[in-house]
Amino acid sequence: MTTNRTFTMIKPDAVANGSIGGILKMINEAGFRIVAMKYTKLSADAAGKFYEIHKERPFYGELVDYMSSGPIVAAILEKENAVADFRKLIGATDPTKAEEGTIRKIYAKSIAANAVHGSDSDENAQIEGDFYFSWLERF
C-alpha cells in the first residue's frame, strides 16, 4: 500500500551547521507539504528506541550517541509518491555518491553525518511519524 506521507529528520550535524532553512526550502520547492514539524532534542533513551531496529548492528551505539548529541527537526511530509520522491530528493547515504542537487550532496559531511533521515517505506514512515507526533500535531 502506498501512501502520500513520509517522515524526515534534519539531523544534528545539519542543525548545527545552520542548514535547516536551506533543507526546508529544498523540501518545499520539491512540492512537499509539511504536515507536522518540531524542533527537539532526543534523549539517548529516545534515540535508542527510534533506532531499535539497528540494535544488533555494530554502529548502533554511535548512532544513538550522534542522534542525541544535539537538536533535530522532525517532520511529516505529504506529496503523491512521498517516500520514493523524498528518497530521491535526499540522495545516497554516502554524500560522495549522491547525485548533484540532492540534499545530502549539498549538506552532508559524511556517511554518518548525512544531514537528513528519510523513511525507507510507507510502513516505516507511519511508524516513525507516530513516534514523534500525536494526531493533534498534524495539519
N, C-alpha and C. Protein backbone atom coordinates (compact mmCIF):
# COMPACT_ATOMS: atom_id res chain seq x y z
N MET A 1 0.84 -1.18 0.00
CA MET A 1 0.00 0.00 0.00
C MET A 1 0.88 1.25 0.00
N THR A 2 0.69 2.11 -0.94
CA THR A 2 1.45 3.36 -0.94
C THR A 2 0.62 4.47 -0.32
N THR A 3 1.30 5.33 0.37
CA THR A 3 0.64 6.48 0.97
C THR A 3 1.28 7.73 0.41
N ASN A 4 0.77 8.83 0.80
CA ASN A 4 1.30 10.10 0.33
C ASN A 4 2.04 10.85 1.43
N ARG A 5 2.49 10.13 2.43
CA ARG A 5 3.22 10.76 3.53
C ARG A 5 4.54 10.04 3.79
N THR A 6 5.51 10.82 4.22
CA THR A 6 6.79 10.26 4.63
C THR A 6 7.27 11.03 5.85
N PHE A 7 8.32 10.53 6.45
CA PHE A 7 8.88 11.15 7.65
C PHE A 7 10.33 11.52 7.38
N THR A 8 10.75 12.64 7.93
CA THR A 8 12.15 13.05 7.84
C THR A 8 12.61 13.67 9.15
N MET A 9 13.92 13.65 9.32
CA MET A 9 14.57 14.39 10.40
C MET A 9 15.75 15.13 9.79
N ILE A 10 15.89 16.38 10.14
CA ILE A 10 17.13 17.09 9.86
C ILE A 10 18.02 16.78 11.06
N LYS A 11 19.14 16.15 10.80
CA LYS A 11 19.98 15.57 11.85
C LYS A 11 20.85 16.63 12.55
N PRO A 12 21.44 16.25 13.71
CA PRO A 12 22.21 17.22 14.50
C PRO A 12 23.31 17.95 13.74
N ASP A 13 23.99 17.27 12.80
CA ASP A 13 25.07 17.95 12.07
C ASP A 13 24.52 19.08 11.21
N ALA A 14 23.42 18.85 10.53
CA ALA A 14 22.83 19.87 9.66
C ALA A 14 22.21 21.00 10.47
N VAL A 15 21.63 20.68 11.63
CA VAL A 15 21.10 21.72 12.50
C VAL A 15 22.24 22.60 13.00
N ALA A 16 23.31 21.96 13.46
CA ALA A 16 24.47 22.71 13.99
C ALA A 16 25.12 23.58 12.91
N ASN A 17 25.06 23.15 11.66
CA ASN A 17 25.66 23.91 10.55
C ASN A 17 24.77 25.03 10.03
N GLY A 18 23.58 25.19 10.62
CA GLY A 18 22.67 26.23 10.17
C GLY A 18 21.99 25.91 8.85
N SER A 19 21.78 24.64 8.57
CA SER A 19 21.23 24.22 7.28
C SER A 19 19.73 23.98 7.29
N ILE A 20 19.04 24.24 8.38
CA ILE A 20 17.60 23.96 8.46
C ILE A 20 16.85 24.69 7.35
N GLY A 21 17.08 25.98 7.21
CA GLY A 21 16.35 26.77 6.22
C GLY A 21 16.58 26.29 4.80
N GLY A 22 17.83 26.02 4.45
CA GLY A 22 18.13 25.55 3.10
C GLY A 22 17.50 24.21 2.79
N ILE A 23 17.53 23.31 3.77
CA ILE A 23 16.92 21.98 3.57
C ILE A 23 15.40 22.11 3.45
N LEU A 24 14.78 22.90 4.32
CA LEU A 24 13.32 23.08 4.23
C LEU A 24 12.93 23.73 2.90
N LYS A 25 13.74 24.65 2.42
CA LYS A 25 13.47 25.29 1.13
C LYS A 25 13.48 24.24 0.01
N MET A 26 14.46 23.35 0.03
CA MET A 26 14.52 22.29 -0.99
C MET A 26 13.29 21.38 -0.90
N ILE A 27 12.88 21.07 0.33
CA ILE A 27 11.70 20.22 0.53
C ILE A 27 10.46 20.90 -0.05
N ASN A 28 10.27 22.17 0.27
CA ASN A 28 9.12 22.92 -0.25
C ASN A 28 9.17 23.04 -1.77
N GLU A 29 10.33 23.36 -2.31
CA GLU A 29 10.45 23.52 -3.76
C GLU A 29 10.23 22.21 -4.52
N ALA A 30 10.42 21.08 -3.84
CA ALA A 30 10.17 19.77 -4.46
C ALA A 30 8.70 19.38 -4.39
N GLY A 31 7.87 20.27 -3.84
CA GLY A 31 6.43 20.03 -3.83
C GLY A 31 5.87 19.32 -2.61
N PHE A 32 6.68 19.16 -1.57
CA PHE A 32 6.19 18.53 -0.34
C PHE A 32 5.47 19.57 0.52
N ARG A 33 4.40 19.12 1.17
CA ARG A 33 3.68 19.94 2.14
C ARG A 33 4.07 19.43 3.52
N ILE A 34 4.40 20.32 4.43
CA ILE A 34 4.74 19.93 5.79
C ILE A 34 3.45 19.75 6.58
N VAL A 35 3.23 18.52 7.04
CA VAL A 35 2.02 18.15 7.77
C VAL A 35 2.23 18.36 9.27
N ALA A 36 3.45 18.12 9.73
CA ALA A 36 3.81 18.29 11.14
C ALA A 36 5.31 18.56 11.20
N MET A 37 5.72 19.39 12.16
CA MET A 37 7.14 19.67 12.30
C MET A 37 7.43 20.12 13.72
N LYS A 38 8.60 19.69 14.23
CA LYS A 38 9.04 20.17 15.55
C LYS A 38 10.55 20.17 15.64
N TYR A 39 11.03 21.14 16.40
CA TYR A 39 12.44 21.30 16.73
C TYR A 39 12.59 20.70 18.12
N THR A 40 13.43 19.68 18.26
CA THR A 40 13.51 18.97 19.53
C THR A 40 14.88 18.34 19.69
N LYS A 41 15.13 17.79 20.85
CA LYS A 41 16.37 17.07 21.10
C LYS A 41 16.02 15.71 21.67
N LEU A 42 16.58 14.68 21.09
CA LEU A 42 16.34 13.32 21.56
C LEU A 42 17.22 13.00 22.76
N SER A 43 16.66 12.35 23.75
CA SER A 43 17.47 11.76 24.81
C SER A 43 18.13 10.51 24.22
N ALA A 44 19.15 10.00 24.88
CA ALA A 44 19.77 8.76 24.42
C ALA A 44 18.75 7.63 24.43
N ASP A 45 17.87 7.62 25.42
CA ASP A 45 16.85 6.59 25.51
C ASP A 45 15.88 6.66 24.33
N ALA A 46 15.43 7.87 23.99
CA ALA A 46 14.51 8.04 22.87
C ALA A 46 15.19 7.68 21.54
N ALA A 47 16.43 8.11 21.37
CA ALA A 47 17.17 7.76 20.15
C ALA A 47 17.33 6.25 20.05
N GLY A 48 17.60 5.60 21.17
CA GLY A 48 17.73 4.14 21.19
C GLY A 48 16.45 3.46 20.77
N LYS A 49 15.31 3.97 21.23
CA LYS A 49 14.02 3.40 20.85
C LYS A 49 13.73 3.63 19.37
N PHE A 50 14.02 4.83 18.89
CA PHE A 50 13.75 5.13 17.49
C PHE A 50 14.56 4.23 16.56
N TYR A 51 15.81 4.00 16.91
CA TYR A 51 16.71 3.19 16.07
C TYR A 51 16.83 1.74 16.55
N GLU A 52 15.86 1.28 17.32
CA GLU A 52 15.89 -0.08 17.88
C GLU A 52 16.07 -1.16 16.81
N ILE A 53 15.58 -0.90 15.61
CA ILE A 53 15.73 -1.86 14.51
C ILE A 53 17.20 -2.18 14.23
N HIS A 54 18.10 -1.26 14.59
CA HIS A 54 19.54 -1.43 14.35
C HIS A 54 20.30 -1.91 15.59
N LYS A 55 19.58 -2.30 16.63
CA LYS A 55 20.20 -2.61 17.92
C LYS A 55 21.33 -3.64 17.85
N GLU A 56 21.25 -4.59 16.98
CA GLU A 56 22.26 -5.65 16.88
C GLU A 56 23.43 -5.26 15.98
N ARG A 57 23.34 -4.14 15.34
CA ARG A 57 24.40 -3.72 14.41
C ARG A 57 25.54 -3.04 15.16
N PRO A 58 26.75 -3.13 14.64
CA PRO A 58 27.91 -2.58 15.36
C PRO A 58 27.89 -1.05 15.51
N PHE A 59 27.17 -0.36 14.64
CA PHE A 59 27.14 1.10 14.69
C PHE A 59 26.04 1.67 15.59
N TYR A 60 25.22 0.81 16.20
CA TYR A 60 24.06 1.24 16.97
C TYR A 60 24.43 2.25 18.07
N GLY A 61 25.42 1.96 18.87
CA GLY A 61 25.80 2.85 19.97
C GLY A 61 26.24 4.22 19.48
N GLU A 62 27.04 4.23 18.42
CA GLU A 62 27.49 5.51 17.84
C GLU A 62 26.31 6.28 17.26
N LEU A 63 25.38 5.57 16.64
CA LEU A 63 24.20 6.22 16.06
C LEU A 63 23.35 6.86 17.15
N VAL A 64 23.13 6.15 18.23
CA VAL A 64 22.35 6.69 19.35
C VAL A 64 23.06 7.91 19.94
N ASP A 65 24.36 7.81 20.14
CA ASP A 65 25.12 8.95 20.68
C ASP A 65 25.01 10.16 19.76
N TYR A 66 25.19 9.93 18.47
CA TYR A 66 25.13 11.02 17.49
C TYR A 66 23.75 11.67 17.45
N MET A 67 22.70 10.84 17.38
CA MET A 67 21.35 11.40 17.24
C MET A 67 20.86 12.08 18.52
N SER A 68 21.51 11.82 19.64
CA SER A 68 21.14 12.51 20.88
C SER A 68 22.14 13.61 21.23
N SER A 69 23.04 13.93 20.30
CA SER A 69 24.10 14.90 20.57
C SER A 69 23.68 16.36 20.40
N GLY A 70 22.56 16.60 19.77
CA GLY A 70 22.11 17.97 19.56
C GLY A 70 20.70 17.98 19.02
N PRO A 71 20.14 19.16 18.84
CA PRO A 71 18.75 19.24 18.37
C PRO A 71 18.59 18.71 16.94
N ILE A 72 17.36 18.31 16.66
CA ILE A 72 16.95 17.85 15.34
C ILE A 72 15.66 18.55 14.95
N VAL A 73 15.29 18.47 13.69
CA VAL A 73 13.98 18.91 13.24
C VAL A 73 13.29 17.68 12.66
N ALA A 74 12.18 17.29 13.25
CA ALA A 74 11.40 16.14 12.78
C ALA A 74 10.21 16.66 12.00
N ALA A 75 9.84 15.98 10.93
CA ALA A 75 8.70 16.43 10.13
C ALA A 75 8.02 15.28 9.40
N ILE A 76 6.72 15.42 9.23
CA ILE A 76 5.94 14.55 8.36
C ILE A 76 5.65 15.37 7.12
N LEU A 77 5.93 14.77 5.97
CA LEU A 77 5.78 15.44 4.69
C LEU A 77 4.72 14.75 3.85
N GLU A 78 4.02 15.51 3.04
CA GLU A 78 2.95 14.96 2.21
C GLU A 78 3.17 15.35 0.75
N LYS A 79 3.00 14.38 -0.11
CA LYS A 79 3.10 14.56 -1.56
C LYS A 79 2.74 13.23 -2.19
N GLU A 80 2.22 13.23 -3.38
CA GLU A 80 1.99 11.97 -4.08
C GLU A 80 3.33 11.25 -4.22
N ASN A 81 3.34 9.95 -3.95
CA ASN A 81 4.56 9.13 -4.03
C ASN A 81 5.64 9.65 -3.08
N ALA A 82 5.24 10.03 -1.89
CA ALA A 82 6.10 10.75 -0.94
C ALA A 82 7.39 10.01 -0.59
N VAL A 83 7.32 8.75 -0.24
CA VAL A 83 8.52 8.04 0.21
C VAL A 83 9.56 7.98 -0.90
N ALA A 84 9.18 7.52 -2.06
CA ALA A 84 10.13 7.39 -3.17
C ALA A 84 10.65 8.76 -3.63
N ASP A 85 9.77 9.74 -3.72
CA ASP A 85 10.20 11.07 -4.16
C ASP A 85 11.15 11.71 -3.14
N PHE A 86 10.90 11.49 -1.86
CA PHE A 86 11.79 12.08 -0.86
C PHE A 86 13.14 11.37 -0.85
N ARG A 87 13.14 10.07 -1.00
CA ARG A 87 14.41 9.34 -1.05
C ARG A 87 15.26 9.84 -2.23
N LYS A 88 14.62 10.14 -3.33
CA LYS A 88 15.34 10.68 -4.48
C LYS A 88 15.88 12.08 -4.17
N LEU A 89 15.08 12.90 -3.50
CA LEU A 89 15.49 14.26 -3.16
C LEU A 89 16.68 14.27 -2.20
N ILE A 90 16.72 13.34 -1.25
CA ILE A 90 17.82 13.37 -0.27
C ILE A 90 19.10 12.77 -0.84
N GLY A 91 19.01 11.83 -1.74
CA GLY A 91 20.21 11.24 -2.33
C GLY A 91 20.78 10.10 -1.51
N ALA A 92 21.86 9.54 -2.01
CA ALA A 92 22.51 8.38 -1.39
C ALA A 92 23.01 8.70 0.01
N THR A 93 23.06 7.69 0.87
CA THR A 93 23.55 7.85 2.23
C THR A 93 24.97 8.40 2.25
N ASP A 94 25.79 7.94 1.35
CA ASP A 94 27.16 8.43 1.22
C ASP A 94 27.11 9.68 0.33
N PRO A 95 27.36 10.85 0.89
CA PRO A 95 27.24 12.07 0.08
C PRO A 95 28.19 12.13 -1.12
N THR A 96 29.29 11.38 -1.07
CA THR A 96 30.19 11.37 -2.23
C THR A 96 29.58 10.60 -3.40
N LYS A 97 28.56 9.78 -3.11
CA LYS A 97 27.88 9.01 -4.15
C LYS A 97 26.50 9.58 -4.49
N ALA A 98 26.10 10.61 -3.78
CA ALA A 98 24.79 11.22 -4.00
C ALA A 98 24.81 12.04 -5.29
N GLU A 99 23.67 12.06 -5.96
CA GLU A 99 23.55 12.83 -7.20
C GLU A 99 23.65 14.33 -6.91
N GLU A 100 24.17 15.07 -7.88
CA GLU A 100 24.23 16.52 -7.77
C GLU A 100 22.83 17.07 -7.52
N GLY A 101 22.75 18.09 -6.69
CA GLY A 101 21.48 18.74 -6.42
C GLY A 101 20.64 18.10 -5.34
N THR A 102 21.09 16.96 -4.77
CA THR A 102 20.34 16.33 -3.69
C THR A 102 20.73 16.95 -2.36
N ILE A 103 19.87 16.77 -1.37
CA ILE A 103 20.12 17.34 -0.05
C ILE A 103 21.44 16.86 0.52
N ARG A 104 21.69 15.57 0.43
CA ARG A 104 22.93 15.04 1.01
C ARG A 104 24.17 15.49 0.24
N LYS A 105 24.08 15.64 -1.06
CA LYS A 105 25.22 16.11 -1.83
C LYS A 105 25.59 17.54 -1.39
N ILE A 106 24.57 18.33 -1.10
CA ILE A 106 24.78 19.73 -0.74
C ILE A 106 25.13 19.90 0.75
N TYR A 107 24.44 19.17 1.65
CA TYR A 107 24.54 19.46 3.08
C TYR A 107 25.25 18.42 3.94
N ALA A 108 25.41 17.18 3.46
CA ALA A 108 26.01 16.13 4.30
C ALA A 108 27.53 16.26 4.34
N LYS A 109 28.10 15.86 5.49
CA LYS A 109 29.54 15.89 5.67
C LYS A 109 30.17 14.51 5.47
N SER A 110 29.41 13.45 5.76
CA SER A 110 29.94 12.09 5.70
C SER A 110 28.78 11.10 5.68
N ILE A 111 29.10 9.82 5.61
CA ILE A 111 28.06 8.79 5.68
C ILE A 111 27.34 8.87 7.02
N ALA A 112 28.07 9.07 8.09
CA ALA A 112 27.47 9.14 9.43
C ALA A 112 26.72 10.46 9.63
N ALA A 113 27.35 11.55 9.25
CA ALA A 113 26.75 12.89 9.38
C ALA A 113 26.15 13.27 8.04
N ASN A 114 25.02 12.59 7.70
CA ASN A 114 24.48 12.73 6.35
C ASN A 114 23.27 13.66 6.26
N ALA A 115 23.15 14.57 7.20
CA ALA A 115 22.22 15.71 7.17
C ALA A 115 20.75 15.38 7.42
N VAL A 116 20.22 14.34 6.78
CA VAL A 116 18.79 14.07 6.90
C VAL A 116 18.51 12.57 6.96
N HIS A 117 17.41 12.27 7.59
CA HIS A 117 16.86 10.91 7.59
C HIS A 117 15.62 10.95 6.70
N GLY A 118 15.40 9.90 5.95
CA GLY A 118 14.17 9.75 5.18
C GLY A 118 13.66 8.34 5.32
N SER A 119 12.38 8.19 5.58
CA SER A 119 11.80 6.85 5.71
C SER A 119 12.04 6.03 4.46
N ASP A 120 12.26 4.73 4.64
CA ASP A 120 12.56 3.85 3.51
C ASP A 120 11.35 3.07 3.01
N SER A 121 10.20 3.23 3.67
CA SER A 121 8.99 2.54 3.24
C SER A 121 7.78 3.27 3.80
N ASP A 122 6.62 2.99 3.22
CA ASP A 122 5.38 3.58 3.74
C ASP A 122 5.13 3.14 5.17
N GLU A 123 5.39 1.85 5.45
CA GLU A 123 5.19 1.33 6.80
C GLU A 123 6.08 2.05 7.80
N ASN A 124 7.37 2.21 7.49
CA ASN A 124 8.27 2.90 8.40
C ASN A 124 7.95 4.38 8.52
N ALA A 125 7.47 4.99 7.45
CA ALA A 125 7.05 6.40 7.53
C ALA A 125 5.95 6.57 8.57
N GLN A 126 5.01 5.65 8.58
CA GLN A 126 3.91 5.70 9.56
C GLN A 126 4.45 5.50 10.97
N ILE A 127 5.28 4.48 11.16
CA ILE A 127 5.85 4.19 12.48
C ILE A 127 6.68 5.37 12.99
N GLU A 128 7.53 5.90 12.14
CA GLU A 128 8.42 6.99 12.53
C GLU A 128 7.64 8.28 12.80
N GLY A 129 6.65 8.58 11.98
CA GLY A 129 5.82 9.75 12.23
C GLY A 129 5.06 9.63 13.54
N ASP A 130 4.54 8.43 13.82
CA ASP A 130 3.83 8.20 15.08
C ASP A 130 4.74 8.30 16.29
N PHE A 131 6.02 8.01 16.12
CA PHE A 131 6.99 8.12 17.22
C PHE A 131 7.10 9.57 17.69
N TYR A 132 7.07 10.50 16.78
CA TYR A 132 7.29 11.91 17.09
C TYR A 132 6.04 12.75 17.27
N PHE A 133 4.95 12.39 16.60
CA PHE A 133 3.80 13.29 16.55
C PHE A 133 2.50 12.61 16.95
N SER A 134 1.72 13.31 17.79
CA SER A 134 0.37 12.87 18.08
C SER A 134 -0.53 13.32 16.93
N TRP A 135 -1.73 12.83 16.89
CA TRP A 135 -2.67 13.23 15.83
C TRP A 135 -3.06 14.70 15.97
N LEU A 136 -2.93 15.26 17.17
CA LEU A 136 -3.24 16.68 17.39
C LEU A 136 -2.18 17.61 16.82
N GLU A 137 -1.01 17.06 16.48
CA GLU A 137 0.09 17.87 15.97
C GLU A 137 0.22 17.82 14.45
N ARG A 138 -0.75 17.20 13.79
CA ARG A 138 -0.70 17.04 12.32
C ARG A 138 -1.77 17.92 11.68
N PHE A 139 -1.38 18.58 10.62
CA PHE A 139 -2.31 19.52 9.99
C PHE A 139 -2.41 19.28 8.50
